[in-house]
Amino acid sequence: MSLPTVEIDSMPTCSDCNEAKRFFQEHHIPYKDYNCEEDPKYAEEVQKLTGKQIIPTIKIDDHIFVGFSADVEVIKKPLKANA
């Protein structure tokens, strides 16, 4: 099976964002990080995509997740489907 496409909109000072990135690294899941602090266009894209300005916003293939810690078990499901 192929690896999922994982993208995360984050900020360096966000603990939930850092926890999500650490999770992906520890599980050898490649991801693309979009730093909303470095480039405000990413924050605008989060607003358009979710209607909210909450990070991390995680995209796994066709699935969108807002936040990480509270939803980690739900986030694992599309990852397992591709394993």
N, C-alpha and C. Protein backbone atom coordinates (compact mmCIF):
# COMPACT_ATOMS: atom_id res chain seq x y z
N MET A 1 0.85 -1.19 0.00
CA MET A 1 0.00 0.00 0.00
C MET A 1 0.89 1.24 0.00
N SER A 2 0.33 2.34 -0.47
CA SER A 2 1.11 3.57 -0.54
C SER A 2 0.95 4.40 0.72
N LEU A 3 1.93 5.26 0.94
CA LEU A 3 1.86 6.16 2.08
C LEU A 3 0.84 7.25 1.81
N PRO A 4 0.15 7.70 2.84
CA PRO A 4 -0.81 8.78 2.65
C PRO A 4 -0.08 10.10 2.41
N THR A 5 -0.78 11.03 1.80
CA THR A 5 -0.27 12.38 1.66
C THR A 5 -0.68 13.14 2.91
N VAL A 6 0.31 13.63 3.66
CA VAL A 6 0.04 14.31 4.92
C VAL A 6 0.58 15.73 4.83
N GLU A 7 -0.29 16.69 5.14
CA GLU A 7 0.10 18.10 5.21
C GLU A 7 -0.38 18.65 6.54
N ILE A 8 0.42 19.54 7.11
CA ILE A 8 0.04 20.14 8.38
C ILE A 8 0.30 21.65 8.33
N ASP A 9 -0.73 22.39 8.68
CA ASP A 9 -0.60 23.84 8.85
C ASP A 9 -0.30 24.06 10.32
N SER A 10 0.80 24.75 10.60
CA SER A 10 1.26 24.84 11.98
C SER A 10 1.95 26.17 12.26
N MET A 11 2.36 26.31 13.51
CA MET A 11 3.21 27.42 13.97
C MET A 11 4.26 26.81 14.90
N PRO A 12 5.48 27.34 14.87
CA PRO A 12 6.55 26.76 15.69
C PRO A 12 6.27 26.80 17.19
N THR A 13 5.48 27.75 17.66
CA THR A 13 5.21 27.89 19.09
C THR A 13 4.00 27.09 19.56
N CYS A 14 3.37 26.37 18.67
CA CYS A 14 2.15 25.61 18.99
C CYS A 14 2.53 24.21 19.49
N SER A 15 2.23 23.92 20.74
CA SER A 15 2.60 22.61 21.30
C SER A 15 1.85 21.47 20.63
N ASP A 16 0.58 21.67 20.29
CA ASP A 16 -0.18 20.62 19.61
C ASP A 16 0.39 20.35 18.21
N CYS A 17 0.83 21.41 17.55
CA CYS A 17 1.46 21.27 16.23
C CYS A 17 2.75 20.45 16.35
N ASN A 18 3.56 20.80 17.34
CA ASN A 18 4.82 20.10 17.54
C ASN A 18 4.60 18.65 17.92
N GLU A 19 3.56 18.38 18.69
CA GLU A 19 3.23 17.01 19.05
C GLU A 19 2.82 16.21 17.81
N ALA A 20 2.04 16.82 16.92
CA ALA A 20 1.62 16.15 15.69
C ALA A 20 2.83 15.83 14.81
N LYS A 21 3.71 16.80 14.64
CA LYS A 21 4.90 16.57 13.80
C LYS A 21 5.80 15.50 14.40
N ARG A 22 5.94 15.51 15.72
CA ARG A 22 6.74 14.48 16.40
C ARG A 22 6.12 13.10 16.16
N PHE A 23 4.79 13.01 16.24
CA PHE A 23 4.08 11.75 15.99
C PHE A 23 4.39 11.23 14.58
N PHE A 24 4.27 12.11 13.58
CA PHE A 24 4.53 11.69 12.20
C PHE A 24 5.99 11.25 12.03
N GLN A 25 6.91 11.98 12.64
CA GLN A 25 8.33 11.63 12.55
C GLN A 25 8.59 10.27 13.20
N GLU A 26 8.06 10.07 14.40
CA GLU A 26 8.29 8.81 15.12
C GLU A 26 7.71 7.60 14.39
N HIS A 27 6.64 7.83 13.61
CA HIS A 27 6.01 6.74 12.87
C HIS A 27 6.47 6.70 11.41
N HIS A 28 7.51 7.49 11.09
CA HIS A 28 8.11 7.50 9.76
C HIS A 28 7.08 7.82 8.67
N ILE A 29 6.23 8.79 8.97
CA ILE A 29 5.21 9.23 8.03
C ILE A 29 5.65 10.58 7.47
N PRO A 30 6.01 10.63 6.21
CA PRO A 30 6.43 11.92 5.64
C PRO A 30 5.26 12.90 5.62
N TYR A 31 5.59 14.16 5.86
CA TYR A 31 4.55 15.20 5.85
C TYR A 31 5.15 16.49 5.34
N LYS A 32 4.28 17.35 4.86
CA LYS A 32 4.67 18.69 4.41
C LYS A 32 4.14 19.66 5.45
N ASP A 33 5.03 20.49 5.98
CA ASP A 33 4.67 21.46 7.01
C ASP A 33 4.52 22.84 6.39
N TYR A 34 3.38 23.46 6.63
CA TYR A 34 3.12 24.82 6.17
C TYR A 34 3.08 25.73 7.39
N ASN A 35 4.11 26.55 7.54
CA ASN A 35 4.27 27.42 8.70
C ASN A 35 3.42 28.68 8.54
N CYS A 36 2.33 28.76 9.29
CA CYS A 36 1.39 29.88 9.20
C CYS A 36 1.99 31.18 9.75
N GLU A 37 3.00 31.06 10.60
CA GLU A 37 3.65 32.24 11.15
C GLU A 37 4.59 32.86 10.11
N GLU A 38 5.27 32.00 9.37
CA GLU A 38 6.21 32.45 8.35
C GLU A 38 5.50 33.03 7.14
N ASP A 39 4.38 32.43 6.78
CA ASP A 39 3.66 32.87 5.58
C ASP A 39 2.16 32.91 5.87
N PRO A 40 1.61 34.13 6.03
CA PRO A 40 0.19 34.28 6.37
C PRO A 40 -0.78 33.66 5.36
N LYS A 41 -0.32 33.39 4.14
CA LYS A 41 -1.24 32.78 3.16
C LYS A 41 -1.69 31.40 3.63
N TYR A 42 -0.85 30.72 4.40
CA TYR A 42 -1.25 29.40 4.91
C TYR A 42 -2.37 29.55 5.94
N ALA A 43 -2.29 30.58 6.76
CA ALA A 43 -3.36 30.83 7.74
C ALA A 43 -4.67 31.15 7.01
N GLU A 44 -4.57 31.89 5.92
CA GLU A 44 -5.76 32.20 5.11
C GLU A 44 -6.35 30.93 4.51
N GLU A 45 -5.50 30.02 4.07
CA GLU A 45 -5.97 28.76 3.51
C GLU A 45 -6.68 27.91 4.56
N VAL A 46 -6.16 27.93 5.80
CA VAL A 46 -6.82 27.21 6.90
C VAL A 46 -8.22 27.76 7.10
N GLN A 47 -8.35 29.08 7.11
CA GLN A 47 -9.65 29.74 7.30
C GLN A 47 -10.61 29.33 6.19
N LYS A 48 -10.15 29.33 4.94
CA LYS A 48 -11.00 28.95 3.81
C LYS A 48 -11.39 27.48 3.88
N LEU A 49 -10.45 26.63 4.27
CA LEU A 49 -10.67 25.19 4.29
C LEU A 49 -11.60 24.75 5.42
N THR A 50 -11.43 25.34 6.60
CA THR A 50 -12.16 24.87 7.78
C THR A 50 -13.18 25.85 8.33
N GLY A 51 -13.09 27.11 7.90
CA GLY A 51 -13.97 28.13 8.46
C GLY A 51 -13.49 28.59 9.84
N LYS A 52 -12.30 28.13 10.23
CA LYS A 52 -11.73 28.45 11.54
C LYS A 52 -10.27 28.84 11.36
N GLN A 53 -9.73 29.43 12.40
CA GLN A 53 -8.30 29.73 12.40
C GLN A 53 -7.64 28.94 13.52
N ILE A 54 -7.73 27.64 13.43
CA ILE A 54 -7.20 26.76 14.47
C ILE A 54 -6.10 25.90 13.86
N ILE A 55 -5.00 25.83 14.57
CA ILE A 55 -3.90 24.97 14.15
C ILE A 55 -3.61 23.98 15.26
N PRO A 56 -3.06 22.85 14.97
CA PRO A 56 -2.74 22.42 13.62
C PRO A 56 -3.99 22.04 12.84
N THR A 57 -3.95 22.28 11.57
CA THR A 57 -4.93 21.73 10.65
C THR A 57 -4.17 20.68 9.85
N ILE A 58 -4.64 19.46 9.91
CA ILE A 58 -3.94 18.33 9.31
C ILE A 58 -4.78 17.75 8.18
N LYS A 59 -4.14 17.60 7.03
CA LYS A 59 -4.80 17.01 5.87
C LYS A 59 -4.12 15.67 5.60
N ILE A 60 -4.90 14.60 5.63
CA ILE A 60 -4.40 13.27 5.30
C ILE A 60 -5.26 12.77 4.15
N ASP A 61 -4.67 12.78 2.97
CA ASP A 61 -5.40 12.48 1.74
C ASP A 61 -6.66 13.36 1.69
N ASP A 62 -7.86 12.78 1.74
CA ASP A 62 -9.10 13.57 1.65
C ASP A 62 -9.67 13.95 3.01
N HIS A 63 -8.99 13.62 4.08
CA HIS A 63 -9.49 13.86 5.43
C HIS A 63 -8.87 15.14 6.01
N ILE A 64 -9.70 15.94 6.68
CA ILE A 64 -9.24 17.17 7.32
C ILE A 64 -9.47 17.05 8.82
N PHE A 65 -8.44 17.38 9.59
CA PHE A 65 -8.52 17.35 11.05
C PHE A 65 -8.06 18.68 11.61
N VAL A 66 -8.80 19.19 12.57
CA VAL A 66 -8.44 20.43 13.24
C VAL A 66 -8.02 20.06 14.65
N GLY A 67 -6.77 20.33 14.97
CA GLY A 67 -6.24 19.92 16.26
C GLY A 67 -5.56 18.57 16.13
N PHE A 68 -4.91 18.15 17.23
CA PHE A 68 -4.24 16.86 17.17
C PHE A 68 -4.48 16.03 18.43
N SER A 69 -4.08 16.51 19.58
CA SER A 69 -4.09 15.70 20.80
C SER A 69 -5.44 15.06 21.10
N ALA A 70 -6.51 15.83 21.00
CA ALA A 70 -7.84 15.31 21.33
C ALA A 70 -8.32 14.30 20.29
N ASP A 71 -7.78 14.35 19.07
CA ASP A 71 -8.28 13.51 17.98
C ASP A 71 -7.25 12.52 17.46
N VAL A 72 -6.20 12.26 18.22
CA VAL A 72 -5.11 11.42 17.71
C VAL A 72 -5.60 10.04 17.27
N GLU A 73 -6.53 9.44 17.98
CA GLU A 73 -7.04 8.11 17.58
C GLU A 73 -7.81 8.19 16.27
N VAL A 74 -8.56 9.25 16.06
CA VAL A 74 -9.30 9.43 14.81
C VAL A 74 -8.33 9.70 13.66
N ILE A 75 -7.28 10.45 13.94
CA ILE A 75 -6.28 10.78 12.92
C ILE A 75 -5.54 9.52 12.47
N LYS A 76 -5.36 8.57 13.36
CA LYS A 76 -4.64 7.34 13.01
C LYS A 76 -5.39 6.49 11.98
N LYS A 77 -6.72 6.59 11.92
CA LYS A 77 -7.51 5.73 11.05
C LYS A 77 -7.14 5.84 9.57
N PRO A 78 -7.09 7.05 8.97
CA PRO A 78 -6.72 7.08 7.56
C PRO A 78 -5.26 6.69 7.33
N LEU A 79 -4.43 6.84 8.35
CA LEU A 79 -3.04 6.41 8.22
C LEU A 79 -2.96 4.89 8.15
N LYS A 80 -3.74 4.22 8.98
CA LYS A 80 -3.76 2.75 8.99
C LYS A 80 -4.35 2.19 7.70
N ALA A 81 -5.31 2.89 7.15
CA ALA A 81 -5.95 2.42 5.91
C ALA A 81 -4.95 2.34 4.78
N ASN A 82 -3.90 3.16 4.84
CA ASN A 82 -2.89 3.16 3.79
C ASN A 82 -1.69 2.28 4.13
N ALA A 83 -1.68 1.73 5.34
CA ALA A 83 -0.50 0.96 5.76
C ALA A 83 -0.44 -0.40 5.10
